[in-house]
Each structure stands twice: as structure tokens, then as C-alpha cells.
């Protein structure tokens, strides 16, 4: 009987499965850039950041207290770098309380942000 070892490479991360807001939108003045920049992470089924992901991520207004008449400005979509899509120039043109944003990318499970206000 012989003994030995075998080398196995284990990838601790799975395929991209979902999106998550890692930097939530903050309250802002109408027409001003939302700061800090909104960030959306691409995660695997275990909640790990998929650092190799470069998917294009879109973002949109999910809850509009103005009944759909508000306009989201900025660069959309954004390609993820290191598994993170950074939206550095988002703005909303009208005031309102309780806006939320939704993020999507192909077949990945989307995400909805926490609520924020535009004054």
C-alpha cells in the first residue's frame, strides 16, 4: 500500500447569483449628485463578493413618490470592476420622501435600496 497526497484546488466562490447594495443612496437635494457614490456588489449564492465579475449593472427608481414622473440621471448601466458597480453621478430631478432604487443585471437576482429623500 502506498501513501501520498493529491493536490486539489478549491474555489471558495461560486458563480454570480445576486446583487446587493453595499453603499446605499443617501438623502440629497433635487438635481444634485448622490454622495457618497452608490455601490452595488455582485455576490455568489453564499453571499461572497465575486471579484471576477464584470457584469453590466443597471439601476432605476423603484419607488417614486411622484408617481413615476421623477427622472434618474447619471451613467447607466455601469460595468462592475472587481465585482462592484459604482454609480458616481446619480441624481434625481424632483423632490420627494421615500425614494428607493432597484439594481438589476441579466439573470442575477436584483436588489432594492433602502429608502432616501430628495429635498
PDB file of N, CA and C in Angstrom:
ATOM      1  N   UNK A   1       0.825  -1.165   0.000  1.00  0.00           N
ATOM      2  CA  UNK A   1       0.000   0.000   0.000  1.00  0.00           C
ATOM      3  C   UNK A   1       0.876   1.237   0.000  1.00  0.00           C
ATOM      4  N   UNK A   2       0.512   2.191  -0.845  1.00  0.00           N
ATOM      5  CA  UNK A   2       1.308   3.412  -0.877  1.00  0.00           C
ATOM      6  C   UNK A   2       0.497   4.573  -0.331  1.00  0.00           C
ATOM      7  N   UNK A   3       1.203   5.525   0.188  1.00  0.00           N
ATOM      8  CA  UNK A   3       0.517   6.724   0.686  1.00  0.00           C
ATOM      9  C   UNK A   3       1.043   7.916  -0.089  1.00  0.00           C
ATOM     10  N   UNK A   4       0.266   8.903  -0.178  1.00  0.00           N
ATOM     11  CA  UNK A   4       0.664  10.092  -0.919  1.00  0.00           C
ATOM     12  C   UNK A   4      -0.368  11.186  -0.754  1.00  0.00           C
ATOM     13  N   UNK A   5      -0.093  12.263  -1.383  1.00  0.00           N
ATOM     14  CA  UNK A   5      -1.024  13.376  -1.322  1.00  0.00           C
ATOM     15  C   UNK A   5      -1.412  13.772  -2.731  1.00  0.00           C
ATOM     16  N   UNK A   6      -2.563  14.300  -2.838  1.00  0.00           N
ATOM     17  CA  UNK A   6      -3.024  14.796  -4.130  1.00  0.00           C
ATOM     18  C   UNK A   6      -3.337  16.275  -3.975  1.00  0.00           C
ATOM     19  N   UNK A   7      -2.952  17.046  -4.942  1.00  0.00           N
ATOM     20  CA  UNK A   7      -3.217  18.485  -4.893  1.00  0.00           C
ATOM     21  C   UNK A   7      -4.581  18.771  -5.501  1.00  0.00           C
ATOM     22  N   UNK A   8      -5.373  19.519  -4.787  1.00  0.00           N
ATOM     23  CA  UNK A   8      -6.687  19.922  -5.272  1.00  0.00           C
ATOM     24  C   UNK A   8      -6.829  21.418  -5.074  1.00  0.00           C
ATOM     25  N   UNK A   9      -7.305  22.068  -6.089  1.00  0.00           N
ATOM     26  CA  UNK A   9      -7.575  23.491  -5.974  1.00  0.00           C
ATOM     27  C   UNK A   9      -9.068  23.660  -5.718  1.00  0.00           C
ATOM     28  N   UNK A  10      -9.401  24.326  -4.636  1.00  0.00           N
ATOM     29  CA  UNK A  10     -10.790  24.542  -4.282  1.00  0.00           C
ATOM     30  C   UNK A  10     -11.096  26.018  -4.460  1.00  0.00           C
ATOM     31  N   UNK A  11     -12.109  26.298  -5.270  1.00  0.00           N
ATOM     32  CA  UNK A  11     -12.548  27.674  -5.468  1.00  0.00           C
ATOM     33  C   UNK A  11     -13.645  27.953  -4.444  1.00  0.00           C
ATOM     34  N   UNK A  12     -13.374  28.827  -3.461  1.00  0.00           N
ATOM     35  CA  UNK A  12     -14.365  29.053  -2.402  1.00  0.00           C
ATOM     36  C   UNK A  12     -15.562  29.877  -2.871  1.00  0.00           C
ATOM     37  N   UNK A  13     -15.501  30.417  -4.059  1.00  0.00           N
ATOM     38  CA  UNK A  13     -16.575  31.267  -4.549  1.00  0.00           C
ATOM     39  C   UNK A  13     -17.325  30.587  -5.683  1.00  0.00           C
ATOM     40  N   UNK A  14     -18.625  30.759  -5.674  1.00  0.00           N
ATOM     41  CA  UNK A  14     -19.453  30.199  -6.724  1.00  0.00           C
ATOM     42  C   UNK A  14     -19.687  31.220  -7.819  1.00  0.00           C
ATOM     43  N   UNK A  15     -20.558  30.862  -8.725  1.00  0.00           N
ATOM     44  CA  UNK A  15     -20.914  31.754  -9.831  1.00  0.00           C
ATOM     45  C   UNK A  15     -21.746  32.923  -9.304  1.00  0.00           C
ATOM     46  N   UNK A  16     -21.712  34.019 -10.027  1.00  0.00           N
ATOM     47  CA  UNK A  16     -22.506  35.185  -9.671  1.00  0.00           C
ATOM     48  C   UNK A  16     -23.981  34.796  -9.598  1.00  0.00           C
ATOM     49  N   UNK A  17     -24.668  35.250  -8.535  1.00  0.00           N
ATOM     50  CA  UNK A  17     -26.062  34.850  -8.341  1.00  0.00           C
ATOM     51  C   UNK A  17     -26.993  36.014  -8.028  1.00  0.00           C
ATOM     52  N   UNK A  18     -26.468  37.062  -7.368  1.00  0.00           N
ATOM     53  CA  UNK A  18     -27.358  38.135  -6.936  1.00  0.00           C
ATOM     54  C   UNK A  18     -26.614  39.452  -6.787  1.00  0.00           C
ATOM     55  N   UNK A  19     -27.399  40.495  -6.585  1.00  0.00           N
ATOM     56  CA  UNK A  19     -26.870  41.834  -6.369  1.00  0.00           C
ATOM     57  C   UNK A  19     -27.211  42.294  -4.956  1.00  0.00           C
ATOM     58  N   UNK A  20     -26.385  43.192  -4.436  1.00  0.00           N
ATOM     59  CA  UNK A  20     -26.628  43.773  -3.120  1.00  0.00           C
ATOM     60  C   UNK A  20     -26.074  45.195  -3.090  1.00  0.00           C
ATOM     61  N   UNK A  21     -26.843  46.127  -2.564  1.00  0.00           N
ATOM     62  CA  UNK A  21     -26.327  47.482  -2.383  1.00  0.00           C
ATOM     63  C   UNK A  21     -25.324  47.455  -1.241  1.00  0.00           C
ATOM     64  N   UNK A  22     -24.074  47.827  -1.524  1.00  0.00           N
ATOM     65  CA  UNK A  22     -23.052  47.896  -0.473  1.00  0.00           C
ATOM     66  C   UNK A  22     -22.893  49.321   0.033  1.00  0.00           C
ATOM     67  N   UNK A  23     -23.223  50.311  -0.799  1.00  0.00           N
ATOM     68  CA  UNK A  23     -23.325  51.711  -0.361  1.00  0.00           C
ATOM     69  C   UNK A  23     -24.709  52.175  -0.792  1.00  0.00           C
ATOM     70  N   UNK A  24     -25.554  52.435   0.194  1.00  0.00           N
ATOM     71  CA  UNK A  24     -26.936  52.837  -0.060  1.00  0.00           C
ATOM     72  C   UNK A  24     -26.993  54.292  -0.520  1.00  0.00           C
ATOM     73  N   UNK A  25     -28.029  54.643  -1.290  1.00  0.00           N
ATOM     74  CA  UNK A  25     -28.201  56.054  -1.646  1.00  0.00           C
ATOM     75  C   UNK A  25     -28.553  56.862  -0.402  1.00  0.00           C
ATOM     76  N   UNK A  26     -28.078  58.104  -0.362  1.00  0.00           N
ATOM     77  CA  UNK A  26     -28.346  58.966   0.781  1.00  0.00           C
ATOM     78  C   UNK A  26     -29.233  60.124   0.351  1.00  0.00           C
ATOM     79  N   UNK A  27     -29.854  60.762   1.316  1.00  0.00           N
ATOM     80  CA  UNK A  27     -30.707  61.911   1.017  1.00  0.00           C
ATOM     81  C   UNK A  27     -29.891  62.995   0.332  1.00  0.00           C
ATOM     82  N   UNK A  28     -30.559  63.724  -0.560  1.00  0.00           N
ATOM     83  CA  UNK A  28     -29.852  64.643  -1.448  1.00  0.00           C
ATOM     84  C   UNK A  28     -30.792  65.771  -1.864  1.00  0.00           C
ATOM     85  N   UNK A  29     -30.236  66.849  -2.365  1.00  0.00           N
ATOM     86  CA  UNK A  29     -31.040  67.926  -2.944  1.00  0.00           C
ATOM     87  C   UNK A  29     -31.421  67.552  -4.374  1.00  0.00           C
ATOM     88  N   UNK A  30     -32.603  67.967  -4.805  1.00  0.00           N
ATOM     89  CA  UNK A  30     -33.063  67.671  -6.164  1.00  0.00           C
ATOM     90  C   UNK A  30     -32.042  68.167  -7.182  1.00  0.00           C
ATOM     91  N   UNK A  31     -31.668  67.297  -8.112  1.00  0.00           N
ATOM     92  CA  UNK A  31     -30.724  67.641  -9.161  1.00  0.00           C
ATOM     93  C   UNK A  31     -29.264  67.488  -8.786  1.00  0.00           C
ATOM     94  N   UNK A  32     -28.962  67.332  -7.492  1.00  0.00           N
ATOM     95  CA  UNK A  32     -27.570  67.192  -7.043  1.00  0.00           C
ATOM     96  C   UNK A  32     -27.138  65.730  -7.130  1.00  0.00           C
ATOM     97  N   UNK A  33     -25.838  65.510  -7.227  1.00  0.00           N
ATOM     98  CA  UNK A  33     -25.283  64.160  -7.286  1.00  0.00           C
ATOM     99  C   UNK A  33     -25.394  63.483  -5.921  1.00  0.00           C
ATOM    100  N   UNK A  34     -25.880  62.245  -5.927  1.00  0.00           N
ATOM    101  CA  UNK A  34     -25.984  61.465  -4.694  1.00  0.00           C
ATOM    102  C   UNK A  34     -24.580  61.096  -4.239  1.00  0.00           C
ATOM    103  N   UNK A  35     -24.238  61.503  -3.004  1.00  0.00           N
ATOM    104  CA  UNK A  35     -22.933  61.175  -2.431  1.00  0.00           C
ATOM    105  C   UNK A  35     -23.124  60.577  -1.052  1.00  0.00           C
ATOM    106  N   UNK A  36     -22.298  59.622  -0.655  1.00  0.00           N
ATOM    107  CA  UNK A  36     -21.244  59.038  -1.497  1.00  0.00           C
ATOM    108  C   UNK A  36     -21.845  58.249  -2.661  1.00  0.00           C
ATOM    109  N   UNK A  37     -20.984  57.876  -3.588  1.00  0.00           N
ATOM    110  CA  UNK A  37     -21.418  57.119  -4.768  1.00  0.00           C
ATOM    111  C   UNK A  37     -22.133  55.842  -4.341  1.00  0.00           C
ATOM    112  N   UNK A  38     -23.208  55.514  -5.035  1.00  0.00           N
ATOM    113  CA  UNK A  38     -23.965  54.282  -4.776  1.00  0.00           C
ATOM    114  C   UNK A  38     -23.171  53.110  -5.346  1.00  0.00           C
ATOM    115  N   UNK A  39     -23.039  52.043  -4.549  1.00  0.00           N
ATOM    116  CA  UNK A  39     -22.305  50.861  -4.995  1.00  0.00           C
ATOM    117  C   UNK A  39     -23.173  49.623  -4.892  1.00  0.00           C
ATOM    118  N   UNK A  40     -23.075  48.768  -5.915  1.00  0.00           N
ATOM    119  CA  UNK A  40     -23.817  47.511  -5.961  1.00  0.00           C
ATOM    120  C   UNK A  40     -22.804  46.383  -6.150  1.00  0.00           C
ATOM    121  N   UNK A  41     -22.850  45.406  -5.248  1.00  0.00           N
ATOM    122  CA  UNK A  41     -21.952  44.256  -5.322  1.00  0.00           C
ATOM    123  C   UNK A  41     -22.616  43.084  -6.026  1.00  0.00           C
ATOM    124  N   UNK A  42     -21.797  42.293  -6.709  1.00  0.00           N
ATOM    125  CA  UNK A  42     -22.244  41.042  -7.318  1.00  0.00           C
ATOM    126  C   UNK A  42     -21.794  39.911  -6.400  1.00  0.00           C
ATOM    127  N   UNK A  43     -22.769  39.127  -5.919  1.00  0.00           N
ATOM    128  CA  UNK A  43     -22.485  38.081  -4.936  1.00  0.00           C
ATOM    129  C   UNK A  43     -22.774  36.699  -5.498  1.00  0.00           C
ATOM    130  N   UNK A  44     -22.097  35.698  -4.931  1.00  0.00           N
ATOM    131  CA  UNK A  44     -22.422  34.316  -5.273  1.00  0.00           C
ATOM    132  C   UNK A  44     -23.563  33.840  -4.373  1.00  0.00           C
ATOM    133  N   UNK A  45     -23.963  32.600  -4.513  1.00  0.00           N
ATOM    134  CA  UNK A  45     -25.094  32.065  -3.748  1.00  0.00           C
ATOM    135  C   UNK A  45     -24.812  31.995  -2.254  1.00  0.00           C
ATOM    136  N   UNK A  46     -23.541  32.118  -1.862  1.00  0.00           N
ATOM    137  CA  UNK A  46     -23.166  32.044  -0.454  1.00  0.00           C
ATOM    138  C   UNK A  46     -22.954  33.429   0.153  1.00  0.00           C
ATOM    139  N   UNK A  47     -23.199  34.490  -0.649  1.00  0.00           N
ATOM    140  CA  UNK A  47     -23.042  35.853  -0.150  1.00  0.00           C
ATOM    141  C   UNK A  47     -21.641  36.407  -0.263  1.00  0.00           C
ATOM    142  N   UNK A  48     -20.766  35.714  -0.991  1.00  0.00           N
ATOM    143  CA  UNK A  48     -19.397  36.187  -1.190  1.00  0.00           C
ATOM    144  C   UNK A  48     -19.338  37.116  -2.398  1.00  0.00           C
ATOM    145  N   UNK A  49     -18.513  38.144  -2.303  1.00  0.00           N
ATOM    146  CA  UNK A  49     -18.266  39.034  -3.430  1.00  0.00           C
ATOM    147  C   UNK A  49     -17.556  38.260  -4.539  1.00  0.00           C
ATOM    148  N   UNK A  50     -18.073  38.347  -5.762  1.00  0.00           N
ATOM    149  CA  UNK A  50     -17.456  37.664  -6.906  1.00  0.00           C
ATOM    150  C   UNK A  50     -16.517  38.682  -7.556  1.00  0.00           C
ATOM    151  N   UNK A  51     -15.265  38.680  -7.136  1.00  0.00           N
ATOM    152  CA  UNK A  51     -14.312  39.703  -7.562  1.00  0.00           C
ATOM    153  C   UNK A  51     -13.972  39.631  -9.048  1.00  0.00           C
ATOM    154  N   UNK A  52     -14.272  38.513  -9.689  1.00  0.00           N
ATOM    155  CA  UNK A  52     -14.002  38.391 -11.123  1.00  0.00           C
ATOM    156  C   UNK A  52     -15.156  38.906 -11.976  1.00  0.00           C
ATOM    157  N   UNK A  53     -16.278  39.267 -11.354  1.00  0.00           N
ATOM    158  CA  UNK A  53     -17.469  39.688 -12.100  1.00  0.00           C
ATOM    159  C   UNK A  53     -17.287  41.072 -12.711  1.00  0.00           C
ATOM    160  N   UNK A  54     -17.649  41.177 -13.977  1.00  0.00           N
ATOM    161  CA  UNK A  54     -17.581  42.454 -14.708  1.00  0.00           C
ATOM    162  C   UNK A  54     -18.920  42.771 -15.375  1.00  0.00           C
ATOM    163  N   UNK A  55     -19.987  42.174 -14.875  1.00  0.00           N
ATOM    164  CA  UNK A  55     -21.325  42.345 -15.452  1.00  0.00           C
ATOM    165  C   UNK A  55     -21.728  43.816 -15.518  1.00  0.00           C
ATOM    166  N   UNK A  56     -22.540  44.150 -16.511  1.00  0.00           N
ATOM    167  CA  UNK A  56     -23.149  45.481 -16.588  1.00  0.00           C
ATOM    168  C   UNK A  56     -24.341  45.488 -15.636  1.00  0.00           C
ATOM    169  N   UNK A  57     -24.387  46.488 -14.766  1.00  0.00           N
ATOM    170  CA  UNK A  57     -25.459  46.613 -13.781  1.00  0.00           C
ATOM    171  C   UNK A  57     -26.265  47.855 -14.114  1.00  0.00           C
ATOM    172  N   UNK A  58     -27.586  47.700 -14.141  1.00  0.00           N
ATOM    173  CA  UNK A  58     -28.479  48.834 -14.364  1.00  0.00           C
ATOM    174  C   UNK A  58     -29.086  49.255 -13.037  1.00  0.00           C
ATOM    175  N   UNK A  59     -29.559  50.484 -13.000  1.00  0.00           N
ATOM    176  CA  UNK A  59     -30.194  50.995 -11.795  1.00  0.00           C
ATOM    177  C   UNK A  59     -31.363  51.861 -12.234  1.00  0.00           C
ATOM    178  N   UNK A  60     -32.424  51.843 -11.445  1.00  0.00           N
ATOM    179  CA  UNK A  60     -33.631  52.595 -11.791  1.00  0.00           C
ATOM    180  C   UNK A  60     -34.352  52.999 -10.510  1.00  0.00           C
ATOM    181  N   UNK A  61     -35.272  53.939 -10.637  1.00  0.00           N
ATOM    182  CA  UNK A  61     -36.105  54.304  -9.490  1.00  0.00           C
ATOM    183  C   UNK A  61     -37.124  53.188  -9.283  1.00  0.00           C
ATOM    184  N   UNK A  62     -37.150  52.623  -8.081  1.00  0.00           N
ATOM    185  CA  UNK A  62     -38.106  51.554  -7.760  1.00  0.00           C
ATOM    186  C   UNK A  62     -39.367  52.150  -7.135  1.00  0.00           C
ATOM    187  N   UNK A  63     -39.192  53.031  -6.167  1.00  0.00           N
ATOM    188  CA  UNK A  63     -40.337  53.713  -5.553  1.00  0.00           C
ATOM    189  C   UNK A  63     -40.189  55.201  -5.817  1.00  0.00           C
ATOM    190  N   UNK A  64     -41.158  55.766  -6.529  1.00  0.00           N
ATOM    191  CA  UNK A  64     -41.150  57.182  -6.876  1.00  0.00           C
ATOM    192  C   UNK A  64     -42.350  57.848  -6.207  1.00  0.00           C
ATOM    193  N   UNK A  65     -42.113  58.652  -5.175  1.00  0.00           N
ATOM    194  CA  UNK A  65     -43.244  59.315  -4.508  1.00  0.00           C
ATOM    195  C   UNK A  65     -43.981  60.296  -5.424  1.00  0.00           C
ATOM    196  N   UNK A  66     -43.440  60.557  -6.598  1.00  0.00           N
ATOM    197  CA  UNK A  66     -44.076  61.450  -7.563  1.00  0.00           C
ATOM    198  C   UNK A  66     -44.840  60.681  -8.639  1.00  0.00           C
ATOM    199  N   UNK A  67     -45.153  59.434  -8.377  1.00  0.00           N
ATOM    200  CA  UNK A  67     -45.974  58.653  -9.289  1.00  0.00           C
ATOM    201  C   UNK A  67     -45.337  58.328 -10.618  1.00  0.00           C
ATOM    202  N   UNK A  68     -44.036  58.255 -10.657  1.00  0.00           N
ATOM    203  CA  UNK A  68     -43.348  57.883 -11.890  1.00  0.00           C
ATOM    204  C   UNK A  68     -42.869  59.039 -12.737  1.00  0.00           C
ATOM    205  N   UNK A  69     -43.036  60.266 -12.255  1.00  0.00           N
ATOM    206  CA  UNK A  69     -42.611  61.416 -13.062  1.00  0.00           C
ATOM    207  C   UNK A  69     -41.182  61.866 -12.780  1.00  0.00           C
ATOM    208  N   UNK A  70     -40.539  61.309 -11.759  1.00  0.00           N
ATOM    209  CA  UNK A  70     -39.157  61.671 -11.445  1.00  0.00           C
ATOM    210  C   UNK A  70     -38.205  61.031 -12.444  1.00  0.00           C
ATOM    211  N   UNK A  71     -37.106  61.714 -12.711  1.00  0.00           N
ATOM    212  CA  UNK A  71     -36.100  61.218 -13.658  1.00  0.00           C
ATOM    213  C   UNK A  71     -34.796  60.962 -12.924  1.00  0.00           C
ATOM    214  N   UNK A  72     -34.263  59.754 -13.106  1.00  0.00           N
ATOM    215  CA  UNK A  72     -32.957  59.392 -12.561  1.00  0.00           C
ATOM    216  C   UNK A  72     -31.903  59.720 -13.596  1.00  0.00           C
ATOM    217  N   UNK A  73     -30.982  60.588 -13.244  1.00  0.00           N
ATOM    218  CA  UNK A  73     -29.895  60.946 -14.153  1.00  0.00           C
ATOM    219  C   UNK A  73     -28.614  60.248 -13.755  1.00  0.00           C
ATOM    220  N   UNK A  74     -27.696  60.143 -14.705  1.00  0.00           N
ATOM    221  CA  UNK A  74     -26.400  59.545 -14.426  1.00  0.00           C
ATOM    222  C   UNK A  74     -26.028  58.518 -15.463  1.00  0.00           C
ATOM    223  N   UNK A  75     -24.849  57.940 -15.300  1.00  0.00           N
ATOM    224  CA  UNK A  75     -24.338  56.928 -16.219  1.00  0.00           C
ATOM    225  C   UNK A  75     -24.928  55.575 -15.858  1.00  0.00           C
ATOM    226  N   UNK A  76     -25.744  55.031 -16.770  1.00  0.00           N
ATOM    227  CA  UNK A  76     -26.426  53.757 -16.552  1.00  0.00           C
ATOM    228  C   UNK A  76     -26.459  53.024 -17.892  1.00  0.00           C
ATOM    229  N   UNK A  77     -26.037  51.794 -17.982  1.00  0.00           N
ATOM    230  CA  UNK A  77     -25.523  50.921 -16.931  1.00  0.00           C
ATOM    231  C   UNK A  77     -24.046  51.207 -16.630  1.00  0.00           C
ATOM    232  N   UNK A  78     -23.546  50.543 -15.589  1.00  0.00           N
ATOM    233  CA  UNK A  78     -22.145  50.613 -15.198  1.00  0.00           C
ATOM    234  C   UNK A  78     -21.619  49.186 -15.139  1.00  0.00           C
ATOM    235  N   UNK A  79     -20.440  48.954 -15.700  1.00  0.00           N
ATOM    236  CA  UNK A  79     -19.815  47.632 -15.616  1.00  0.00           C
ATOM    237  C   UNK A  79     -19.095  47.488 -14.287  1.00  0.00           C
ATOM    238  N   UNK A  80     -19.283  46.349 -13.650  1.00  0.00           N
ATOM    239  CA  UNK A  80     -18.631  46.088 -12.372  1.00  0.00           C
ATOM    240  C   UNK A  80     -17.124  45.946 -12.564  1.00  0.00           C
ATOM    241  N   UNK A  81     -16.385  46.411 -11.587  1.00  0.00           N
ATOM    242  CA  UNK A  81     -14.936  46.236 -11.524  1.00  0.00           C
ATOM    243  C   UNK A  81     -14.660  45.552 -10.199  1.00  0.00           C
ATOM    244  N   UNK A  82     -14.038  44.387 -10.246  1.00  0.00           N
ATOM    245  CA  UNK A  82     -13.794  43.651  -9.015  1.00  0.00           C
ATOM    246  C   UNK A  82     -15.084  43.223  -8.338  1.00  0.00           C
ATOM    247  N   UNK A  83     -16.152  43.066  -9.125  1.00  0.00           N
ATOM    248  CA  UNK A  83     -17.431  42.637  -8.579  1.00  0.00           C
ATOM    249  C   UNK A  83     -18.290  43.757  -8.016  1.00  0.00           C
ATOM    250  N   UNK A  84     -17.862  45.015  -8.212  1.00  0.00           N
ATOM    251  CA  UNK A  84     -18.607  46.157  -7.673  1.00  0.00           C
ATOM    252  C   UNK A  84     -18.892  47.161  -8.780  1.00  0.00           C
ATOM    253  N   UNK A  85     -20.176  47.510  -8.930  1.00  0.00           N
ATOM    254  CA  UNK A  85     -20.581  48.563  -9.866  1.00  0.00           C
ATOM    255  C   UNK A  85     -20.741  49.855  -9.059  1.00  0.00           C
ATOM    256  N   UNK A  86     -20.020  50.886  -9.464  1.00  0.00           N
ATOM    257  CA  UNK A  86     -20.034  52.167  -8.750  1.00  0.00           C
ATOM    258  C   UNK A  86     -20.747  53.209  -9.600  1.00  0.00           C
ATOM    259  N   UNK A  87     -21.822  53.749  -9.051  1.00  0.00           N
ATOM    260  CA  UNK A  87     -22.621  54.783  -9.721  1.00  0.00           C
ATOM    261  C   UNK A  87     -22.267  56.124  -9.094  1.00  0.00           C
ATOM    262  N   UNK A  88     -21.336  56.845  -9.707  1.00  0.00           N
ATOM    263  CA  UNK A  88     -20.771  58.052  -9.090  1.00  0.00           C
ATOM    264  C   UNK A  88     -21.468  59.339  -9.482  1.00  0.00           C
ATOM    265  N   UNK A  89     -22.444  59.284 -10.409  1.00  0.00           N
ATOM    266  CA  UNK A  89     -23.052  60.538 -10.866  1.00  0.00           C
ATOM    267  C   UNK A  89     -24.581  60.490 -10.902  1.00  0.00           C
ATOM    268  N   UNK A  90     -25.197  59.717 -10.010  1.00  0.00           N
ATOM    269  CA  UNK A  90     -26.654  59.621  -9.996  1.00  0.00           C
ATOM    270  C   UNK A  90     -27.287  60.874  -9.399  1.00  0.00           C
ATOM    271  N   UNK A  91     -28.436  61.247  -9.942  1.00  0.00           N
ATOM    272  CA  UNK A  91     -29.212  62.360  -9.391  1.00  0.00           C
ATOM    273  C   UNK A  91     -30.687  62.118  -9.710  1.00  0.00           C
ATOM    274  N   UNK A  92     -31.558  62.770  -8.953  1.00  0.00           N
ATOM    275  CA  UNK A  92     -33.000  62.716  -9.194  1.00  0.00           C
ATOM    276  C   UNK A  92     -33.496  64.150  -9.271  1.00  0.00           C
ATOM    277  N   UNK A  93     -34.347  64.421 -10.265  1.00  0.00           N
ATOM    278  CA  UNK A  93     -34.736  65.796 -10.572  1.00  0.00           C
ATOM    279  C   UNK A  93     -35.833  66.392  -9.695  1.00  0.00           C
ATOM    280  N   UNK A  94     -36.663  65.576  -9.061  1.00  0.00           N
ATOM    281  CA  UNK A  94     -37.785  66.091  -8.277  1.00  0.00           C
ATOM    282  C   UNK A  94     -37.654  65.736  -6.799  1.00  0.00           C
ATOM    283  N   UNK A  95     -38.260  66.552  -5.943  1.00  0.00           N
ATOM    284  CA  UNK A  95     -38.233  66.272  -4.512  1.00  0.00           C
ATOM    285  C   UNK A  95     -39.244  65.179  -4.167  1.00  0.00           C
ATOM    286  N   UNK A  96     -39.019  64.523  -3.038  1.00  0.00           N
ATOM    287  CA  UNK A  96     -39.944  63.512  -2.567  1.00  0.00           C
ATOM    288  C   UNK A  96     -39.366  62.755  -1.386  1.00  0.00           C
ATOM    289  N   UNK A  97     -40.258  62.115  -0.642  1.00  0.00           N
ATOM    290  CA  UNK A  97     -39.868  61.348   0.542  1.00  0.00           C
ATOM    291  C   UNK A  97     -40.094  59.868   0.253  1.00  0.00           C
ATOM    292  N   UNK A  98     -39.064  59.058   0.476  1.00  0.00           N
ATOM    293  CA  UNK A  98     -39.204  57.616   0.351  1.00  0.00           C
ATOM    294  C   UNK A  98     -38.840  57.017  -0.990  1.00  0.00           C
ATOM    295  N   UNK A  99     -37.940  57.671  -1.721  1.00  0.00           N
ATOM    296  CA  UNK A  99     -37.436  57.060  -2.960  1.00  0.00           C
ATOM    297  C   UNK A  99     -36.685  55.773  -2.623  1.00  0.00           C
ATOM    298  N   UNK A 100     -36.729  54.795  -3.519  1.00  0.00           N
ATOM    299  CA  UNK A 100     -35.826  53.646  -3.478  1.00  0.00           C
ATOM    300  C   UNK A 100     -35.323  53.405  -4.892  1.00  0.00           C
ATOM    301  N   UNK A 101     -34.182  52.746  -4.994  1.00  0.00           N
ATOM    302  CA  UNK A 101     -33.603  52.374  -6.278  1.00  0.00           C
ATOM    303  C   UNK A 101     -33.580  50.860  -6.397  1.00  0.00           C
ATOM    304  N   UNK A 102     -33.674  50.357  -7.614  1.00  0.00           N
ATOM    305  CA  UNK A 102     -33.526  48.927  -7.858  1.00  0.00           C
ATOM    306  C   UNK A 102     -32.332  48.707  -8.771  1.00  0.00           C
ATOM    307  N   UNK A 103     -31.596  47.627  -8.517  1.00  0.00           N
ATOM    308  CA  UNK A 103     -30.441  47.262  -9.331  1.00  0.00           C
ATOM    309  C   UNK A 103     -30.734  45.928  -9.997  1.00  0.00           C
ATOM    310  N   UNK A 104     -30.300  45.792 -11.254  1.00  0.00           N
ATOM    311  CA  UNK A 104     -30.500  44.554 -11.987  1.00  0.00           C
ATOM    312  C   UNK A 104     -29.353  44.269 -12.917  1.00  0.00           C
ATOM    313  N   UNK A 105     -29.206  43.009 -13.270  1.00  0.00           N
ATOM    314  CA  UNK A 105     -28.163  42.599 -14.212  1.00  0.00           C
ATOM    315  C   UNK A 105     -28.492  41.215 -14.749  1.00  0.00           C
ATOM    316  N   UNK A 106     -29.044  41.168 -15.951  1.00  0.00           N
ATOM    317  CA  UNK A 106     -29.319  39.883 -16.593  1.00  0.00           C
ATOM    318  C   UNK A 106     -30.151  38.959 -15.739  1.00  0.00           C
ATOM    319  N   UNK A 107     -29.647  37.744 -15.526  1.00  0.00           N
ATOM    320  CA  UNK A 107     -30.387  36.737 -14.780  1.00  0.00           C
ATOM    321  C   UNK A 107     -30.098  36.768 -13.281  1.00  0.00           C
ATOM    322  N   UNK A 108     -29.233  37.674 -12.835  1.00  0.00           N
ATOM    323  CA  UNK A 108     -28.922  37.757 -11.402  1.00  0.00           C
ATOM    324  C   UNK A 108     -30.131  38.274 -10.633  1.00  0.00           C
ATOM    325  N   UNK A 109     -30.312  37.790  -9.410  1.00  0.00           N
ATOM    326  CA  UNK A 109     -31.386  38.299  -8.555  1.00  0.00           C
ATOM    327  C   UNK A 109     -31.102  39.759  -8.253  1.00  0.00           C
ATOM    328  N   UNK A 110     -32.088  40.609  -8.463  1.00  0.00           N
ATOM    329  CA  UNK A 110     -31.922  42.040  -8.261  1.00  0.00           C
ATOM    330  C   UNK A 110     -31.921  42.434  -6.798  1.00  0.00           C
ATOM    331  N   UNK A 111     -31.784  43.740  -6.569  1.00  0.00           N
ATOM    332  CA  UNK A 111     -31.756  44.272  -5.210  1.00  0.00           C
ATOM    333  C   UNK A 111     -32.489  45.608  -5.185  1.00  0.00           C
ATOM    334  N   UNK A 112     -33.041  45.949  -4.035  1.00  0.00           N
ATOM    335  CA  UNK A 112     -33.695  47.237  -3.838  1.00  0.00           C
ATOM    336  C   UNK A 112     -33.001  47.951  -2.684  1.00  0.00           C
ATOM    337  N   UNK A 113     -32.760  49.240  -2.855  1.00  0.00           N
ATOM    338  CA  UNK A 113     -32.061  50.028  -1.851  1.00  0.00           C
ATOM    339  C   UNK A 113     -32.966  50.360  -0.672  1.00  0.00           C
ATOM    340  N   UNK A 114     -32.358  50.881   0.350  1.00  0.00           N
ATOM    341  CA  UNK A 114     -33.137  51.440   1.452  1.00  0.00           C
ATOM    342  C   UNK A 114     -33.732  52.767   0.977  1.00  0.00           C
ATOM    343  N   UNK A 115     -34.721  53.267   1.685  1.00  0.00           N
ATOM    344  CA  UNK A 115     -35.406  54.500   1.297  1.00  0.00           C
ATOM    345  C   UNK A 115     -34.544  55.726   1.610  1.00  0.00           C
ATOM    346  N   UNK A 116     -34.685  56.744   0.765  1.00  0.00           N
ATOM    347  CA  UNK A 116     -33.992  58.014   0.961  1.00  0.00           C
ATOM    348  C   UNK A 116     -34.875  59.132   0.435  1.00  0.00           C
ATOM    349  N   UNK A 117     -34.540  60.358   0.832  1.00  0.00           N
ATOM    350  CA  UNK A 117     -35.351  61.519   0.456  1.00  0.00           C
ATOM    351  C   UNK A 117     -34.596  62.440  -0.489  1.00  0.00           C
ATOM    352  N   UNK A 118     -35.342  63.119  -1.333  1.00  0.00           N
ATOM    353  CA  UNK A 118     -34.777  64.147  -2.207  1.00  0.00           C
ATOM    354  C   UNK A 118     -35.492  65.437  -1.824  1.00  0.00           C
ATOM    355  N   UNK A 119     -34.698  66.432  -1.416  1.00  0.00           N
ATOM    356  CA  UNK A 119     -35.265  67.702  -0.938  1.00  0.00           C
ATOM    357  C   UNK A 119     -35.157  68.781  -1.973  1.00  0.00           C
TER     358      UNK A 119
END
